[in-house]
Amino acid sequence: MLNSPRQGRSSPAELGYGTQSLTVFIENVEAHFAHSKEAGAKIFEDLNETAYGELQYGVEDLEGHRWLFSRHASDVSPDAWGAKIANSLP
């Protein structure tokens, strides 16, 4: 359940910066994007295929939370998009 912030708390819109984002994977992201755009959603990232193989777009809700809607589009090697594995051992 999503709701407005509790008393004494602020939404990202009130703060002027994002506090988190959420990615939701859906089957037909193209239709979802078209519907969101038609409905007047505040789109901050147009539908695009990322370097790591996801087809996604981003919207911001009325409280300023950012949502990415995505689906897997293609298999891309982590080396191809520059992924690095951090060594967590000293």
PDB file of N, CA and C in Angstrom:
ATOM      1  N   MET A   1       0.842  -1.164   0.000  1.00  0.00           N
ATOM      2  CA  MET A   1       0.000   0.000   0.000  1.00  0.00           C
ATOM      3  C   MET A   1       0.889   1.228   0.000  1.00  0.00           C
ATOM      4  N   LEU A   2       0.560   2.191  -0.822  1.00  0.00           N
ATOM      5  CA  LEU A   2       1.270   3.468  -0.868  1.00  0.00           C
ATOM      6  C   LEU A   2       0.379   4.541  -0.287  1.00  0.00           C
ATOM      7  N   ASN A   3       0.995   5.487   0.366  1.00  0.00           N
ATOM      8  CA  ASN A   3       0.231   6.552   0.989  1.00  0.00           C
ATOM      9  C   ASN A   3       1.102   7.791   1.074  1.00  0.00           C
ATOM     10  N   SER A   4       0.518   8.899   1.463  1.00  0.00           N
ATOM     11  CA  SER A   4       1.275  10.122   1.683  1.00  0.00           C
ATOM     12  C   SER A   4       2.133   9.958   2.932  1.00  0.00           C
ATOM     13  N   PRO A   5       3.185  10.769   3.077  1.00  0.00           N
ATOM     14  CA  PRO A   5       4.048  10.625   4.258  1.00  0.00           C
ATOM     15  C   PRO A   5       3.318  10.949   5.555  1.00  0.00           C
ATOM     16  N   ARG A   6       3.752  10.277   6.610  1.00  0.00           N
ATOM     17  CA  ARG A   6       3.195  10.530   7.934  1.00  0.00           C
ATOM     18  C   ARG A   6       3.591  11.917   8.428  1.00  0.00           C
ATOM     19  N   GLN A   7       2.910  12.388   9.442  1.00  0.00           N
ATOM     20  CA  GLN A   7       3.214  13.684  10.040  1.00  0.00           C
ATOM     21  C   GLN A   7       4.675  13.688  10.494  1.00  0.00           C
ATOM     22  N   GLY A   8       5.380  14.768  10.191  1.00  0.00           N
ATOM     23  CA  GLY A   8       6.785  14.881  10.541  1.00  0.00           C
ATOM     24  C   GLY A   8       7.724  14.305   9.499  1.00  0.00           C
ATOM     25  N   ARG A   9       7.178  13.715   8.450  1.00  0.00           N
ATOM     26  CA  ARG A   9       7.973  13.143   7.359  1.00  0.00           C
ATOM     27  C   ARG A   9       7.689  13.937   6.091  1.00  0.00           C
ATOM     28  N   SER A  10       8.551  13.803   5.097  1.00  0.00           N
ATOM     29  CA  SER A  10       8.371  14.536   3.844  1.00  0.00           C
ATOM     30  C   SER A  10       8.460  13.593   2.658  1.00  0.00           C
ATOM     31  N   SER A  11       7.728  13.915   1.613  1.00  0.00           N
ATOM     32  CA  SER A  11       7.793  13.139   0.378  1.00  0.00           C
ATOM     33  C   SER A  11       8.990  13.637  -0.438  1.00  0.00           C
ATOM     34  N   PRO A  12       9.424  12.864  -1.427  1.00  0.00           N
ATOM     35  CA  PRO A  12      10.488  13.346  -2.302  1.00  0.00           C
ATOM     36  C   PRO A  12      10.128  14.680  -2.974  1.00  0.00           C
ATOM     37  N   ALA A  13       8.847  14.849  -3.331  1.00  0.00           N
ATOM     38  CA  ALA A  13       8.418  16.105  -3.961  1.00  0.00           C
ATOM     39  C   ALA A  13       8.618  17.281  -3.007  1.00  0.00           C
ATOM     40  N   GLU A  14       8.333  17.076  -1.731  1.00  0.00           N
ATOM     41  CA  GLU A  14       8.509  18.130  -0.737  1.00  0.00           C
ATOM     42  C   GLU A  14       9.985  18.386  -0.446  1.00  0.00           C
ATOM     43  N   LEU A  15      10.785  17.322  -0.448  1.00  0.00           N
ATOM     44  CA  LEU A  15      12.215  17.445  -0.170  1.00  0.00           C
ATOM     45  C   LEU A  15      12.981  18.054  -1.336  1.00  0.00           C
ATOM     46  N   GLY A  16      12.484  17.826  -2.556  1.00  0.00           N
ATOM     47  CA  GLY A  16      13.182  18.317  -3.739  1.00  0.00           C
ATOM     48  C   GLY A  16      14.219  17.356  -4.279  1.00  0.00           C
ATOM     49  N   TYR A  17      14.229  16.130  -3.784  1.00  0.00           N
ATOM     50  CA  TYR A  17      15.134  15.099  -4.287  1.00  0.00           C
ATOM     51  C   TYR A  17      14.542  13.720  -3.999  1.00  0.00           C
ATOM     52  N   GLY A  18      15.011  12.743  -4.765  1.00  0.00           N
ATOM     53  CA  GLY A  18      14.507  11.388  -4.612  1.00  0.00           C
ATOM     54  C   GLY A  18      15.058  10.709  -3.371  1.00  0.00           C
ATOM     55  N   THR A  19      14.274   9.862  -2.782  1.00  0.00           N
ATOM     56  CA  THR A  19      14.709   9.100  -1.618  1.00  0.00           C
ATOM     57  C   THR A  19      14.821   7.613  -1.922  1.00  0.00           C
ATOM     58  N   GLN A  20      14.193   7.161  -2.998  1.00  0.00           N
ATOM     59  CA  GLN A  20      14.251   5.771  -3.416  1.00  0.00           C
ATOM     60  C   GLN A  20      13.607   5.659  -4.790  1.00  0.00           C
ATOM     61  N   SER A  21      13.758   4.500  -5.388  1.00  0.00           N
ATOM     62  CA  SER A  21      13.035   4.217  -6.627  1.00  0.00           C
ATOM     63  C   SER A  21      12.649   2.746  -6.594  1.00  0.00           C
ATOM     64  N   LEU A  22      11.733   2.390  -7.461  1.00  0.00           N
ATOM     65  CA  LEU A  22      11.222   1.031  -7.492  1.00  0.00           C
ATOM     66  C   LEU A  22      11.159   0.585  -8.940  1.00  0.00           C
ATOM     67  N   THR A  23      11.627  -0.624  -9.223  1.00  0.00           N
ATOM     68  CA  THR A  23      11.518  -1.197 -10.557  1.00  0.00           C
ATOM     69  C   THR A  23      10.476  -2.297 -10.526  1.00  0.00           C
ATOM     70  N   VAL A  24       9.528  -2.215 -11.467  1.00  0.00           N
ATOM     71  CA  VAL A  24       8.473  -3.208 -11.596  1.00  0.00           C
ATOM     72  C   VAL A  24       8.633  -3.865 -12.960  1.00  0.00           C
ATOM     73  N   PHE A  25       8.794  -5.176 -12.975  1.00  0.00           N
ATOM     74  CA  PHE A  25       8.931  -5.901 -14.233  1.00  0.00           C
ATOM     75  C   PHE A  25       7.555  -6.325 -14.718  1.00  0.00           C
ATOM     76  N   ILE A  26       7.251  -5.974 -15.978  1.00  0.00           N
ATOM     77  CA  ILE A  26       5.959  -6.308 -16.574  1.00  0.00           C
ATOM     78  C   ILE A  26       6.171  -6.881 -17.963  1.00  0.00           C
ATOM     79  N   GLU A  27       5.230  -7.698 -18.400  1.00  0.00           N
ATOM     80  CA  GLU A  27       5.349  -8.386 -19.690  1.00  0.00           C
ATOM     81  C   GLU A  27       5.292  -7.421 -20.874  1.00  0.00           C
ATOM     82  N   ASN A  28       4.282  -6.559 -20.937  1.00  0.00           N
ATOM     83  CA  ASN A  28       4.088  -5.690 -22.104  1.00  0.00           C
ATOM     84  C   ASN A  28       4.396  -4.235 -21.736  1.00  0.00           C
ATOM     85  N   VAL A  29       5.676  -3.961 -21.572  1.00  0.00           N
ATOM     86  CA  VAL A  29       6.092  -2.618 -21.155  1.00  0.00           C
ATOM     87  C   VAL A  29       5.768  -1.572 -22.231  1.00  0.00           C
ATOM     88  N   GLU A  30       5.739  -1.980 -23.489  1.00  0.00           N
ATOM     89  CA  GLU A  30       5.422  -1.031 -24.565  1.00  0.00           C
ATOM     90  C   GLU A  30       3.993  -0.503 -24.428  1.00  0.00           C
ATOM     91  N   ALA A  31       3.032  -1.396 -24.204  1.00  0.00           N
ATOM     92  CA  ALA A  31       1.635  -0.982 -24.032  1.00  0.00           C
ATOM     93  C   ALA A  31       1.468  -0.171 -22.753  1.00  0.00           C
ATOM     94  N   HIS A  32       2.176  -0.573 -21.708  1.00  0.00           N
ATOM     95  CA  HIS A  32       2.115   0.144 -20.428  1.00  0.00           C
ATOM     96  C   HIS A  32       2.625   1.569 -20.601  1.00  0.00           C
ATOM     97  N   PHE A  33       3.730   1.722 -21.319  1.00  0.00           N
ATOM     98  CA  PHE A  33       4.287   3.047 -21.598  1.00  0.00           C
ATOM     99  C   PHE A  33       3.291   3.898 -22.391  1.00  0.00           C
ATOM    100  N   ALA A  34       2.711   3.321 -23.433  1.00  0.00           N
ATOM    101  CA  ALA A  34       1.746   4.064 -24.259  1.00  0.00           C
ATOM    102  C   ALA A  34       0.555   4.527 -23.415  1.00  0.00           C
ATOM    103  N   HIS A  35       0.059   3.656 -22.549  1.00  0.00           N
ATOM    104  CA  HIS A  35      -1.071   4.008 -21.689  1.00  0.00           C
ATOM    105  C   HIS A  35      -0.680   5.106 -20.700  1.00  0.00           C
ATOM    106  N   SER A  36       0.481   4.991 -20.092  1.00  0.00           N
ATOM    107  CA  SER A  36       0.950   6.002 -19.136  1.00  0.00           C
ATOM    108  C   SER A  36       1.104   7.361 -19.808  1.00  0.00           C
ATOM    109  N   LYS A  37       1.694   7.356 -20.987  1.00  0.00           N
ATOM    110  CA  LYS A  37       1.906   8.612 -21.723  1.00  0.00           C
ATOM    111  C   LYS A  37       0.567   9.243 -22.099  1.00  0.00           C
ATOM    112  N   GLU A  38      -0.351   8.422 -22.594  1.00  0.00           N
ATOM    113  CA  GLU A  38      -1.683   8.895 -22.983  1.00  0.00           C
ATOM    114  C   GLU A  38      -2.449   9.465 -21.783  1.00  0.00           C
ATOM    115  N   ALA A  39      -2.242   8.883 -20.616  1.00  0.00           N
ATOM    116  CA  ALA A  39      -2.933   9.321 -19.402  1.00  0.00           C
ATOM    117  C   ALA A  39      -2.299  10.566 -18.776  1.00  0.00           C
ATOM    118  N   GLY A  40      -1.164  11.020 -19.332  1.00  0.00           N
ATOM    119  CA  GLY A  40      -0.529  12.239 -18.835  1.00  0.00           C
ATOM    120  C   GLY A  40       0.459  12.038 -17.706  1.00  0.00           C
ATOM    121  N   ALA A  41       1.002  10.836 -17.565  1.00  0.00           N
ATOM    122  CA  ALA A  41       1.982  10.571 -16.512  1.00  0.00           C
ATOM    123  C   ALA A  41       3.212  11.452 -16.701  1.00  0.00           C
ATOM    124  N   LYS A  42       3.862  11.777 -15.598  1.00  0.00           N
ATOM    125  CA  LYS A  42       5.098  12.566 -15.631  1.00  0.00           C
ATOM    126  C   LYS A  42       6.258  11.604 -15.924  1.00  0.00           C
ATOM    127  N   ILE A  43       6.642  11.539 -17.187  1.00  0.00           N
ATOM    128  CA  ILE A  43       7.670  10.609 -17.640  1.00  0.00           C
ATOM    129  C   ILE A  43       9.034  11.284 -17.542  1.00  0.00           C
ATOM    130  N   PHE A  44       9.951  10.668 -16.802  1.00  0.00           N
ATOM    131  CA  PHE A  44      11.296  11.230 -16.697  1.00  0.00           C
ATOM    132  C   PHE A  44      12.303  10.454 -17.537  1.00  0.00           C
ATOM    133  N   GLU A  45      11.926   9.266 -18.009  1.00  0.00           N
ATOM    134  CA  GLU A  45      12.779   8.480 -18.890  1.00  0.00           C
ATOM    135  C   GLU A  45      11.903   7.799 -19.923  1.00  0.00           C
ATOM    136  N   ASP A  46      12.076   8.175 -21.196  1.00  0.00           N
ATOM    137  CA  ASP A  46      11.299   7.556 -22.269  1.00  0.00           C
ATOM    138  C   ASP A  46      11.655   6.086 -22.412  1.00  0.00           C
ATOM    139  N   LEU A  47      10.764   5.333 -23.031  1.00  0.00           N
ATOM    140  CA  LEU A  47      10.985   3.920 -23.281  1.00  0.00           C
ATOM    141  C   LEU A  47      12.275   3.750 -24.077  1.00  0.00           C
ATOM    142  N   ASN A  48      13.171   2.919 -23.558  1.00  0.00           N
ATOM    143  CA  ASN A  48      14.461   2.710 -24.216  1.00  0.00           C
ATOM    144  C   ASN A  48      15.029   1.367 -23.791  1.00  0.00           C
ATOM    145  N   GLU A  49      15.946   0.850 -24.611  1.00  0.00           N
ATOM    146  CA  GLU A  49      16.658  -0.358 -24.225  1.00  0.00           C
ATOM    147  C   GLU A  49      17.981   0.053 -23.596  1.00  0.00           C
ATOM    148  N   THR A  50      18.204  -0.396 -22.386  1.00  0.00           N
ATOM    149  CA  THR A  50      19.406  -0.033 -21.650  1.00  0.00           C
ATOM    150  C   THR A  50      20.627  -0.790 -22.176  1.00  0.00           C
ATOM    151  N   ALA A  51      21.800  -0.341 -21.775  1.00  0.00           N
ATOM    152  CA  ALA A  51      23.043  -1.003 -22.164  1.00  0.00           C
ATOM    153  C   ALA A  51      23.116  -2.427 -21.641  1.00  0.00           C
ATOM    154  N   TYR A  52      22.385  -2.721 -20.578  1.00  0.00           N
ATOM    155  CA  TYR A  52      22.425  -4.048 -19.975  1.00  0.00           C
ATOM    156  C   TYR A  52      21.235  -4.921 -20.384  1.00  0.00           C
ATOM    157  N   GLY A  53      20.454  -4.472 -21.395  1.00  0.00           N
ATOM    158  CA  GLY A  53      19.450  -5.350 -22.003  1.00  0.00           C
ATOM    159  C   GLY A  53      18.045  -5.303 -21.448  1.00  0.00           C
ATOM    160  N   GLU A  54      17.678  -4.245 -20.749  1.00  0.00           N
ATOM    161  CA  GLU A  54      16.311  -4.092 -20.265  1.00  0.00           C
ATOM    162  C   GLU A  54      15.585  -3.046 -21.105  1.00  0.00           C
ATOM    163  N   LEU A  55      14.337  -3.296 -21.454  1.00  0.00           N
ATOM    164  CA  LEU A  55      13.491  -2.301 -22.104  1.00  0.00           C
ATOM    165  C   LEU A  55      12.705  -1.652 -20.979  1.00  0.00           C
ATOM    166  N   GLN A  56      12.886  -0.355 -20.789  1.00  0.00           N
ATOM    167  CA  GLN A  56      12.276   0.284 -19.627  1.00  0.00           C
ATOM    168  C   GLN A  56      11.927   1.741 -19.883  1.00  0.00           C
ATOM    169  N   TYR A  57      11.072   2.263 -18.999  1.00  0.00           N
ATOM    170  CA  TYR A  57      10.774   3.692 -18.956  1.00  0.00           C
ATOM    171  C   TYR A  57      10.542   4.072 -17.506  1.00  0.00           C
ATOM    172  N   GLY A  58      10.595   5.368 -17.213  1.00  0.00           N
ATOM    173  CA  GLY A  58      10.435   5.819 -15.844  1.00  0.00           C
ATOM    174  C   GLY A  58       9.396   6.910 -15.705  1.00  0.00           C
ATOM    175  N   VAL A  59       8.628   6.847 -14.619  1.00  0.00           N
ATOM    176  CA  VAL A  59       7.634   7.874 -14.300  1.00  0.00           C
ATOM    177  C   VAL A  59       7.816   8.317 -12.853  1.00  0.00           C
ATOM    178  N   GLU A  60       7.297   9.514 -12.573  1.00  0.00           N
ATOM    179  CA  GLU A  60       7.320  10.038 -11.222  1.00  0.00           C
ATOM    180  C   GLU A  60       5.887  10.208 -10.754  1.00  0.00           C
ATOM    181  N   ASP A  61       5.567   9.718  -9.546  1.00  0.00           N
ATOM    182  CA  ASP A  61       4.201   9.845  -9.056  1.00  0.00           C
ATOM    183  C   ASP A  61       3.981  11.207  -8.390  1.00  0.00           C
ATOM    184  N   LEU A  62       2.791  11.440  -7.895  1.00  0.00           N
ATOM    185  CA  LEU A  62       2.432  12.746  -7.340  1.00  0.00           C
ATOM    186  C   LEU A  62       3.240  13.117  -6.102  1.00  0.00           C
ATOM    187  N   GLU A  63       3.778  12.132  -5.409  1.00  0.00           N
ATOM    188  CA  GLU A  63       4.588  12.382  -4.210  1.00  0.00           C
ATOM    189  C   GLU A  63       6.072  12.514  -4.544  1.00  0.00           C
ATOM    190  N   GLY A  64       6.417  12.321  -5.832  1.00  0.00           N
ATOM    191  CA  GLY A  64       7.812  12.451  -6.260  1.00  0.00           C
ATOM    192  C   GLY A  64       8.607  11.164  -6.269  1.00  0.00           C
ATOM    193  N   HIS A  65       7.953  10.016  -5.989  1.00  0.00           N
ATOM    194  CA  HIS A  65       8.639   8.729  -6.058  1.00  0.00           C
ATOM    195  C   HIS A  65       8.842   8.360  -7.522  1.00  0.00           C
ATOM    196  N   ARG A  66       9.990   7.783  -7.808  1.00  0.00           N
ATOM    197  CA  ARG A  66      10.305   7.379  -9.181  1.00  0.00           C
ATOM    198  C   ARG A  66      10.116   5.882  -9.349  1.00  0.00           C
ATOM    199  N   TRP A  67       9.417   5.537 -10.415  1.00  0.00           N
ATOM    200  CA  TRP A  67       9.090   4.157 -10.754  1.00  0.00           C
ATOM    201  C   TRP A  67       9.680   3.835 -12.112  1.00  0.00           C
ATOM    202  N   LEU A  68      10.364   2.709 -12.217  1.00  0.00           N
ATOM    203  CA  LEU A  68      10.807   2.181 -13.505  1.00  0.00           C
ATOM    204  C   LEU A  68       9.944   0.971 -13.826  1.00  0.00           C
ATOM    205  N   PHE A  69       9.447   0.912 -15.058  1.00  0.00           N
ATOM    206  CA  PHE A  69       8.711  -0.254 -15.547  1.00  0.00           C
ATOM    207  C   PHE A  69       9.578  -0.878 -16.621  1.00  0.00           C
ATOM    208  N   SER A  70       9.802  -2.178 -16.534  1.00  0.00           N
ATOM    209  CA  SER A  70      10.845  -2.811 -17.323  1.00  0.00           C
ATOM    210  C   SER A  70      10.480  -4.234 -17.698  1.00  0.00           C
ATOM    211  N   ARG A  71      11.136  -4.732 -18.732  1.00  0.00           N
ATOM    212  CA  ARG A  71      11.125  -6.161 -19.060  1.00  0.00           C
ATOM    213  C   ARG A  71      12.468  -6.493 -19.698  1.00  0.00           C
ATOM    214  N   HIS A  72      12.858  -7.736 -19.577  1.00  0.00           N
ATOM    215  CA  HIS A  72      14.107  -8.188 -20.186  1.00  0.00           C
ATOM    216  C   HIS A  72      13.949  -8.138 -21.704  1.00  0.00           C
ATOM    217  N   ALA A  73      14.915  -7.541 -22.394  1.00  0.00           N
ATOM    218  CA  ALA A  73      14.829  -7.403 -23.850  1.00  0.00           C
ATOM    219  C   ALA A  73      15.887  -8.226 -24.572  1.00  0.00           C
ATOM    220  N   SER A  74      17.091  -8.269 -24.028  1.00  0.00           N
ATOM    221  CA  SER A  74      18.151  -9.018 -24.696  1.00  0.00           C
ATOM    222  C   SER A  74      19.231  -9.413 -23.695  1.00  0.00           C
ATOM    223  N   ASP A  75      19.916 -10.499 -24.013  1.00  0.00           N
ATOM    224  CA  ASP A  75      21.020 -10.950 -23.172  1.00  0.00           C
ATOM    225  C   ASP A  75      22.278 -10.181 -23.558  1.00  0.00           C
ATOM    226  N   VAL A  76      22.845  -9.493 -22.601  1.00  0.00           N
ATOM    227  CA  VAL A  76      24.054  -8.717 -22.827  1.00  0.00           C
ATOM    228  C   VAL A  76      25.073  -9.130 -21.776  1.00  0.00           C
ATOM    229  N   SER A  77      26.257  -9.444 -22.219  1.00  0.00           N
ATOM    230  CA  SER A  77      27.323  -9.821 -21.305  1.00  0.00           C
ATOM    231  C   SER A  77      27.669  -8.649 -20.399  1.00  0.00           C
ATOM    232  N   PRO A  78      27.847  -8.883 -19.117  1.00  0.00           N
ATOM    233  CA  PRO A  78      28.252  -7.791 -18.216  1.00  0.00           C
ATOM    234  C   PRO A  78      29.521  -7.078 -18.694  1.00  0.00           C
ATOM    235  N   ASP A  79      30.431  -7.817 -19.317  1.00  0.00           N
ATOM    236  CA  ASP A  79      31.641  -7.188 -19.858  1.00  0.00           C
ATOM    237  C   ASP A  79      31.305  -6.165 -20.935  1.00  0.00           C
ATOM    238  N   ALA A  80      30.242  -6.427 -21.717  1.00  0.00           N
ATOM    239  CA  ALA A  80      29.862  -5.535 -22.820  1.00  0.00           C
ATOM    240  C   ALA A  80      29.389  -4.175 -22.336  1.00  0.00           C
ATOM    241  N   TRP A  81      28.824  -4.103 -21.128  1.00  0.00           N
ATOM    242  CA  TRP A  81      28.352  -2.811 -20.626  1.00  0.00           C
ATOM    243  C   TRP A  81      29.170  -2.278 -19.463  1.00  0.00           C
ATOM    244  N   GLY A  82      30.316  -2.926 -19.199  1.00  0.00           N
ATOM    245  CA  GLY A  82      31.256  -2.380 -18.231  1.00  0.00           C
ATOM    246  C   GLY A  82      30.998  -2.731 -16.784  1.00  0.00           C
ATOM    247  N   ALA A  83      30.282  -3.828 -16.536  1.00  0.00           N
ATOM    248  CA  ALA A  83      30.033  -4.215 -15.144  1.00  0.00           C
ATOM    249  C   ALA A  83      31.337  -4.624 -14.482  1.00  0.00           C
ATOM    250  N   LYS A  84      31.464  -4.261 -13.242  1.00  0.00           N
ATOM    251  CA  LYS A  84      32.636  -4.618 -12.454  1.00  0.00           C
ATOM    252  C   LYS A  84      32.170  -5.291 -11.176  1.00  0.00           C
ATOM    253  N   ILE A  85      32.880  -6.316 -10.755  1.00  0.00           N
ATOM    254  CA  ILE A  85      32.578  -6.978  -9.499  1.00  0.00           C
ATOM    255  C   ILE A  85      33.554  -6.424  -8.463  1.00  0.00           C
ATOM    256  N   ALA A  86      32.996  -5.839  -7.429  1.00  0.00           N
ATOM    257  CA  ALA A  86      33.832  -5.270  -6.377  1.00  0.00           C
ATOM    258  C   ALA A  86      34.356  -6.392  -5.493  1.00  0.00           C
ATOM    259  N   ASN A  87      35.582  -6.281  -5.132  1.00  0.00           N
ATOM    260  CA  ASN A  87      36.177  -7.241  -4.226  1.00  0.00           C
ATOM    261  C   ASN A  87      35.869  -6.801  -2.805  1.00  0.00           C
ATOM    262  N   SER A  88      35.057  -7.590  -2.106  1.00  0.00           N
ATOM    263  CA  SER A  88      34.643  -7.205  -0.767  1.00  0.00           C
ATOM    264  C   SER A  88      35.636  -7.669   0.298  1.00  0.00           C
ATOM    265  N   LEU A  89      36.619  -8.439  -0.087  1.00  0.00           N
ATOM    266  CA  LEU A  89      37.630  -8.900   0.864  1.00  0.00           C
ATOM    267  C   LEU A  89      38.778  -7.903   0.911  1.00  0.00           C
ATOM    268  N   PRO A  90      39.360  -7.726   2.103  1.00  0.00           N
ATOM    269  CA  PRO A  90      40.499  -6.785   2.215  1.00  0.00           C
ATOM    270  C   PRO A  90      41.716  -7.244   1.467  1.00  0.00           C
TER     271      PRO A  90
END
